[in-house]
Amino acid sequence: MFPFTSLYVMPARMALIEVPLQDVAMANILACYLMLRVTTKIYKVGVMSTGRKPSFREVWGWLRSD
């Protein structure tokens, strides 16, 4: 159920065993929510304040800052 990997693991899990619908729904909802939070923080901290394209090092620093 770890959200970042659930979108990749869930289809394999569904092919091997019978997966309850609430597991599929919860995995997708959690993954979308967490990815939205991460991208919102990157946009708010980086792009809005600097106005230029960030490097990976800068993005990592923004995610670690609070």
C-alpha atoms as a PDB file:
ATOM      1  CA  MET A   1       0.000   0.000   0.000  1.00  0.00           C
ATOM      2  CA  PHE A   2       3.002   2.352  -0.154  1.00  0.00           C
ATOM      3  CA  PRO A   3       1.631   5.097  -2.397  1.00  0.00           C
ATOM      4  CA  PHE A   4       4.631   5.768  -4.641  1.00  0.00           C
ATOM      5  CA  THR A   5       4.925   2.145  -5.692  1.00  0.00           C
ATOM      6  CA  SER A   6       1.293   1.077  -5.482  1.00  0.00           C
ATOM      7  CA  LEU A   7       0.464   2.304  -8.984  1.00  0.00           C
ATOM      8  CA  TYR A   8       3.121  -0.043 -10.363  1.00  0.00           C
ATOM      9  CA  VAL A   9       2.650  -2.981  -8.014  1.00  0.00           C
ATOM     10  CA  MET A  10      -1.156  -3.064  -7.942  1.00  0.00           C
ATOM     11  CA  PRO A  11      -1.631  -4.393 -11.528  1.00  0.00           C
ATOM     12  CA  ALA A  12       0.759  -7.270 -10.805  1.00  0.00           C
ATOM     13  CA  ARG A  13      -0.978  -7.951  -7.513  1.00  0.00           C
ATOM     14  CA  MET A  14      -4.362  -7.910  -9.265  1.00  0.00           C
ATOM     15  CA  ALA A  15      -3.106 -10.425 -11.840  1.00  0.00           C
ATOM     16  CA  LEU A  16      -1.910 -12.840  -9.160  1.00  0.00           C
ATOM     17  CA  ILE A  17      -4.625 -12.649  -6.499  1.00  0.00           C
ATOM     18  CA  GLU A  18      -8.137 -11.351  -5.958  1.00  0.00           C
ATOM     19  CA  VAL A  19      -7.743  -7.785  -4.674  1.00  0.00           C
ATOM     20  CA  PRO A  20     -10.632  -6.068  -2.876  1.00  0.00           C
ATOM     21  CA  LEU A  21     -11.930  -2.938  -4.602  1.00  0.00           C
ATOM     22  CA  GLN A  22     -11.269  -0.775  -1.532  1.00  0.00           C
ATOM     23  CA  ASP A  23      -7.549  -1.687  -1.684  1.00  0.00           C
ATOM     24  CA  VAL A  24      -7.323  -0.520  -5.290  1.00  0.00           C
ATOM     25  CA  ALA A  25      -9.247   2.664  -4.575  1.00  0.00           C
ATOM     26  CA  MET A  26      -7.267   3.513  -1.435  1.00  0.00           C
ATOM     27  CA  ALA A  27      -3.916   2.924  -3.143  1.00  0.00           C
ATOM     28  CA  ASN A  28      -4.840   5.223  -6.015  1.00  0.00           C
ATOM     29  CA  ILE A  29      -6.301   7.925  -3.777  1.00  0.00           C
ATOM     30  CA  LEU A  30      -3.244   7.948  -1.504  1.00  0.00           C
ATOM     31  CA  ALA A  31      -0.840   8.030  -4.439  1.00  0.00           C
ATOM     32  CA  CYS A  32      -2.653  10.920  -6.094  1.00  0.00           C
ATOM     33  CA  TYR A  33      -2.898  12.873  -2.835  1.00  0.00           C
ATOM     34  CA  LEU A  34       0.792  12.521  -1.997  1.00  0.00           C
ATOM     35  CA  MET A  35       1.944  13.356  -5.509  1.00  0.00           C
ATOM     36  CA  LEU A  36      -0.276  16.440  -5.491  1.00  0.00           C
ATOM     37  CA  ARG A  37       1.255  17.566  -2.193  1.00  0.00           C
ATOM     38  CA  VAL A  38       4.801  17.125  -3.506  1.00  0.00           C
ATOM     39  CA  THR A  39       4.191  18.935  -6.787  1.00  0.00           C
ATOM     40  CA  THR A  40       2.332  21.754  -5.043  1.00  0.00           C
ATOM     41  CA  LYS A  41       5.247  22.307  -2.691  1.00  0.00           C
ATOM     42  CA  ILE A  42       7.752  22.335  -5.554  1.00  0.00           C
ATOM     43  CA  TYR A  43       5.656  24.835  -7.477  1.00  0.00           C
ATOM     44  CA  LYS A  44       4.982  27.076  -4.504  1.00  0.00           C
ATOM     45  CA  VAL A  45       8.510  27.161  -3.116  1.00  0.00           C
ATOM     46  CA  GLY A  46      10.500  27.084  -6.318  1.00  0.00           C
ATOM     47  CA  VAL A  47       8.765  28.239  -9.401  1.00  0.00           C
ATOM     48  CA  MET A  48       6.699  31.007  -7.812  1.00  0.00           C
ATOM     49  CA  SER A  49       9.651  32.460  -5.892  1.00  0.00           C
ATOM     50  CA  THR A  50      12.382  32.237  -8.535  1.00  0.00           C
ATOM     51  CA  GLY A  51      10.518  32.212 -11.849  1.00  0.00           C
ATOM     52  CA  ARG A  52      13.037  29.940 -13.583  1.00  0.00           C
ATOM     53  CA  LYS A  53      13.398  26.236 -14.286  1.00  0.00           C
ATOM     54  CA  PRO A  54      14.863  24.460 -11.217  1.00  0.00           C
ATOM     55  CA  SER A  55      17.616  21.849 -11.128  1.00  0.00           C
ATOM     56  CA  PHE A  56      17.172  18.477  -9.427  1.00  0.00           C
ATOM     57  CA  ARG A  57      19.416  19.584  -6.559  1.00  0.00           C
ATOM     58  CA  GLU A  58      17.235  22.640  -5.937  1.00  0.00           C
ATOM     59  CA  VAL A  59      14.036  20.564  -6.043  1.00  0.00           C
ATOM     60  CA  TRP A  60      15.470  18.135  -3.509  1.00  0.00           C
ATOM     61  CA  GLY A  61      16.325  21.029  -1.206  1.00  0.00           C
ATOM     62  CA  TRP A  62      12.829  22.495  -1.535  1.00  0.00           C
ATOM     63  CA  LEU A  63      11.236  19.174  -0.644  1.00  0.00           C
ATOM     64  CA  ARG A  64      13.405  18.828   2.447  1.00  0.00           C
ATOM     65  CA  SER A  65      12.690  22.385   3.637  1.00  0.00           C
ATOM     66  CA  ASP A  66       9.524  23.159   5.495  1.00  0.00           C
END
